[in-house]
Amino acid sequence: MPTSPARRITIIAVDDEVTVLALMVETLEDMGFEALAATGAESAMALMAAHPEVDLLVTDVRMPGMTGVELATEARQQHPNMPIVFVTGYAAELQNGVRNLFSKSAMLTKPFRLDSFADTVKSMVCPAPTN
């Protein structure tokens, strides 16, 4: 009996800056992940509803309409254990406050290096084994 191939990790990337979003999606795809792009929180929520297998949310913190924090709060209602990577260009105080609200989360400050982005994503979806 043949075995089915492992399911690809699915990641939703959300940013209202189209250039940043395109770079994140391209990097995620280059890493072998299924990358779904959303230019705002509302479209990200629709993607989550259509793709219940989502493994990770990468979201900008400040966006028009629903913020990344509000999106993460909604996402955690549907997926309580889903890791979240927050991306922001704002002050460290904001970063610490957001990080303290959500377990299994990480924070990247814009502008970020793509290798740092890749390392952060890997750490969230492929955590190191514990002894």
C-alpha atoms as a PDB file:
ATOM      1  CA  MET A   1       0.000   0.000   0.000  1.00  0.00           C
ATOM      2  CA  PRO A   2       1.621   3.313  -1.049  1.00  0.00           C
ATOM      3  CA  THR A   3       2.051   5.985   1.569  1.00  0.00           C
ATOM      4  CA  SER A   4       0.779   9.481   0.922  1.00  0.00           C
ATOM      5  CA  PRO A   5       3.330  12.272   0.749  1.00  0.00           C
ATOM      6  CA  ALA A   6       3.616  14.544   3.764  1.00  0.00           C
ATOM      7  CA  ARG A   7       1.442  17.635   3.631  1.00  0.00           C
ATOM      8  CA  ARG A   8       3.302  20.875   2.915  1.00  0.00           C
ATOM      9  CA  ILE A   9       3.316  23.432   5.706  1.00  0.00           C
ATOM     10  CA  THR A  10       0.826  26.214   4.928  1.00  0.00           C
ATOM     11  CA  ILE A  11       1.613  29.793   5.935  1.00  0.00           C
ATOM     12  CA  ILE A  12      -0.515  32.921   5.550  1.00  0.00           C
ATOM     13  CA  ALA A  13       1.498  36.111   5.073  1.00  0.00           C
ATOM     14  CA  VAL A  14      -0.304  39.412   5.668  1.00  0.00           C
ATOM     15  CA  ASP A  15       0.987  42.905   4.917  1.00  0.00           C
ATOM     16  CA  ASP A  16      -0.608  45.980   3.387  1.00  0.00           C
ATOM     17  CA  GLU A  17       2.755  46.880   1.802  1.00  0.00           C
ATOM     18  CA  VAL A  18       2.595  44.887  -1.431  1.00  0.00           C
ATOM     19  CA  THR A  19       6.374  44.841  -1.927  1.00  0.00           C
ATOM     20  CA  VAL A  20       7.012  43.449   1.562  1.00  0.00           C
ATOM     21  CA  LEU A  21       4.230  40.901   1.104  1.00  0.00           C
ATOM     22  CA  ALA A  22       5.678  39.750  -2.235  1.00  0.00           C
ATOM     23  CA  LEU A  23       9.144  39.294  -0.698  1.00  0.00           C
ATOM     24  CA  MET A  24       7.729  37.289   2.216  1.00  0.00           C
ATOM     25  CA  VAL A  25       5.673  35.043  -0.078  1.00  0.00           C
ATOM     26  CA  GLU A  26       8.584  34.468  -2.444  1.00  0.00           C
ATOM     27  CA  THR A  27      10.874  33.576   0.464  1.00  0.00           C
ATOM     28  CA  LEU A  28       8.304  31.186   1.954  1.00  0.00           C
ATOM     29  CA  GLU A  29       7.802  29.474  -1.403  1.00  0.00           C
ATOM     30  CA  ASP A  30      11.579  29.203  -1.905  1.00  0.00           C
ATOM     31  CA  MET A  31      11.698  27.486   1.504  1.00  0.00           C
ATOM     32  CA  GLY A  32       9.207  24.891   0.240  1.00  0.00           C
ATOM     33  CA  PHE A  33       6.140  26.133   2.104  1.00  0.00           C
ATOM     34  CA  GLU A  34       2.648  26.696   0.744  1.00  0.00           C
ATOM     35  CA  ALA A  35       2.391  30.498   0.982  1.00  0.00           C
ATOM     36  CA  LEU A  36      -0.955  32.289   0.904  1.00  0.00           C
ATOM     37  CA  ALA A  37      -0.884  36.086   0.539  1.00  0.00           C
ATOM     38  CA  ALA A  38      -3.305  38.589   2.054  1.00  0.00           C
ATOM     39  CA  THR A  39      -3.110  42.375   1.775  1.00  0.00           C
ATOM     40  CA  GLY A  40      -5.216  42.882   4.892  1.00  0.00           C
ATOM     41  CA  ALA A  41      -6.652  41.171   7.930  1.00  0.00           C
ATOM     42  CA  GLU A  42     -10.080  40.638   6.410  1.00  0.00           C
ATOM     43  CA  SER A  43      -8.686  38.702   3.440  1.00  0.00           C
ATOM     44  CA  ALA A  44      -6.431  36.750   5.812  1.00  0.00           C
ATOM     45  CA  MET A  45      -9.494  35.688   7.830  1.00  0.00           C
ATOM     46  CA  ALA A  46     -11.164  34.487   4.626  1.00  0.00           C
ATOM     47  CA  LEU A  47      -8.029  32.484   3.743  1.00  0.00           C
ATOM     48  CA  MET A  48      -8.003  30.899   7.211  1.00  0.00           C
ATOM     49  CA  ALA A  49     -11.637  29.906   6.825  1.00  0.00           C
ATOM     50  CA  ALA A  50     -10.921  28.363   3.415  1.00  0.00           C
ATOM     51  CA  HIS A  51      -7.697  26.664   4.584  1.00  0.00           C
ATOM     52  CA  PRO A  52      -8.191  25.166   8.051  1.00  0.00           C
ATOM     53  CA  GLU A  53      -4.804  23.454   7.703  1.00  0.00           C
ATOM     54  CA  VAL A  54      -2.902  26.748   8.194  1.00  0.00           C
ATOM     55  CA  ASP A  55       0.241  26.132  10.249  1.00  0.00           C
ATOM     56  CA  LEU A  56       1.583  29.670  10.749  1.00  0.00           C
ATOM     57  CA  LEU A  57       0.402  33.274  10.500  1.00  0.00           C
ATOM     58  CA  VAL A  58       2.915  35.990   9.553  1.00  0.00           C
ATOM     59  CA  THR A  59       1.313  39.403   9.966  1.00  0.00           C
ATOM     60  CA  ASP A  60       2.201  43.062   9.935  1.00  0.00           C
ATOM     61  CA  VAL A  61       1.153  44.726  13.193  1.00  0.00           C
ATOM     62  CA  ARG A  62      -0.097  48.041  11.823  1.00  0.00           C
ATOM     63  CA  MET A  63      -2.497  47.859   8.910  1.00  0.00           C
ATOM     64  CA  PRO A  64      -5.568  49.836   7.882  1.00  0.00           C
ATOM     65  CA  GLY A  65      -8.774  48.446   9.336  1.00  0.00           C
ATOM     66  CA  MET A  66      -8.124  45.430  11.545  1.00  0.00           C
ATOM     67  CA  THR A  67      -4.613  45.423  13.019  1.00  0.00           C
ATOM     68  CA  GLY A  68      -2.289  42.439  13.097  1.00  0.00           C
ATOM     69  CA  VAL A  69      -2.928  42.081  16.835  1.00  0.00           C
ATOM     70  CA  GLU A  70      -6.692  41.960  16.250  1.00  0.00           C
ATOM     71  CA  LEU A  71      -6.145  39.466  13.420  1.00  0.00           C
ATOM     72  CA  ALA A  72      -3.970  37.282  15.673  1.00  0.00           C
ATOM     73  CA  THR A  73      -6.643  37.371  18.384  1.00  0.00           C
ATOM     74  CA  GLU A  74      -9.286  36.223  15.883  1.00  0.00           C
ATOM     75  CA  ALA A  75      -6.952  33.603  14.394  1.00  0.00           C
ATOM     76  CA  ARG A  76      -6.226  32.129  17.814  1.00  0.00           C
ATOM     77  CA  GLN A  77      -9.955  31.598  18.359  1.00  0.00           C
ATOM     78  CA  GLN A  78      -9.984  29.283  15.332  1.00  0.00           C
ATOM     79  CA  HIS A  79      -6.461  27.883  15.787  1.00  0.00           C
ATOM     80  CA  PRO A  80      -5.507  28.153  19.490  1.00  0.00           C
ATOM     81  CA  ASN A  81      -2.009  26.692  19.082  1.00  0.00           C
ATOM     82  CA  MET A  82      -1.038  28.306  15.782  1.00  0.00           C
ATOM     83  CA  PRO A  83       2.294  30.136  15.999  1.00  0.00           C
ATOM     84  CA  ILE A  84       2.352  33.773  14.889  1.00  0.00           C
ATOM     85  CA  VAL A  85       5.175  35.925  13.555  1.00  0.00           C
ATOM     86  CA  PHE A  86       4.525  39.644  13.950  1.00  0.00           C
ATOM     87  CA  VAL A  87       6.294  42.075  11.610  1.00  0.00           C
ATOM     88  CA  THR A  88       6.528  45.749  12.534  1.00  0.00           C
ATOM     89  CA  GLY A  89       8.484  48.895  11.903  1.00  0.00           C
ATOM     90  CA  TYR A  90       7.551  50.411  15.248  1.00  0.00           C
ATOM     91  CA  ALA A  91       9.114  50.899  18.666  1.00  0.00           C
ATOM     92  CA  ALA A  92      10.472  48.190  20.953  1.00  0.00           C
ATOM     93  CA  GLU A  93       7.810  48.994  23.568  1.00  0.00           C
ATOM     94  CA  LEU A  94       5.125  47.954  21.078  1.00  0.00           C
ATOM     95  CA  GLN A  95       7.081  44.816  20.198  1.00  0.00           C
ATOM     96  CA  ASN A  96       7.385  43.700  23.823  1.00  0.00           C
ATOM     97  CA  GLY A  97       3.713  44.377  24.501  1.00  0.00           C
ATOM     98  CA  VAL A  98       2.568  42.369  21.480  1.00  0.00           C
ATOM     99  CA  ARG A  99       4.942  39.496  22.197  1.00  0.00           C
ATOM    100  CA  ASN A 100       3.712  39.267  25.790  1.00  0.00           C
ATOM    101  CA  LEU A 101       0.091  38.931  24.611  1.00  0.00           C
ATOM    102  CA  PHE A 102       0.693  35.815  22.535  1.00  0.00           C
ATOM    103  CA  SER A 103       2.443  32.590  23.411  1.00  0.00           C
ATOM    104  CA  LYS A 104       4.174  30.823  20.515  1.00  0.00           C
ATOM    105  CA  SER A 105       4.936  34.105  18.793  1.00  0.00           C
ATOM    106  CA  ALA A 106       7.962  35.927  17.435  1.00  0.00           C
ATOM    107  CA  MET A 107       8.641  39.502  16.352  1.00  0.00           C
ATOM    108  CA  LEU A 108      10.605  40.857  13.392  1.00  0.00           C
ATOM    109  CA  THR A 109      11.398  44.542  12.975  1.00  0.00           C
ATOM    110  CA  LYS A 110      11.185  46.131   9.529  1.00  0.00           C
ATOM    111  CA  PRO A 111      13.319  46.386   7.597  1.00  0.00           C
ATOM    112  CA  PHE A 112      14.416  42.803   8.155  1.00  0.00           C
ATOM    113  CA  ARG A 113      16.899  40.616   6.327  1.00  0.00           C
ATOM    114  CA  LEU A 114      15.354  37.750   4.402  1.00  0.00           C
ATOM    115  CA  ASP A 115      17.667  35.252   6.117  1.00  0.00           C
ATOM    116  CA  SER A 116      16.400  36.497   9.498  1.00  0.00           C
ATOM    117  CA  PHE A 117      12.843  36.130   8.252  1.00  0.00           C
ATOM    118  CA  ALA A 118      13.573  32.574   7.070  1.00  0.00           C
ATOM    119  CA  ASP A 119      15.244  31.649  10.375  1.00  0.00           C
ATOM    120  CA  THR A 120      12.310  33.023  12.378  1.00  0.00           C
ATOM    121  CA  VAL A 121       9.760  31.150  10.291  1.00  0.00           C
ATOM    122  CA  LYS A 122      11.747  27.897  10.578  1.00  0.00           C
ATOM    123  CA  SER A 123      11.969  28.287  14.350  1.00  0.00           C
ATOM    124  CA  MET A 124       8.189  28.639  14.564  1.00  0.00           C
ATOM    125  CA  VAL A 125       7.163  25.727  12.317  1.00  0.00           C
ATOM    126  CA  CYS A 126      10.129  23.402  12.884  1.00  0.00           C
ATOM    127  CA  PRO A 127      11.026  23.931  16.543  1.00  0.00           C
ATOM    128  CA  ALA A 128      14.173  22.291  17.852  1.00  0.00           C
ATOM    129  CA  PRO A 129      13.490  19.060  19.751  1.00  0.00           C
ATOM    130  CA  THR A 130      13.628  19.257  23.515  1.00  0.00           C
ATOM    131  CA  ASN A 131      15.397  16.676  25.669  1.00  0.00           C
END
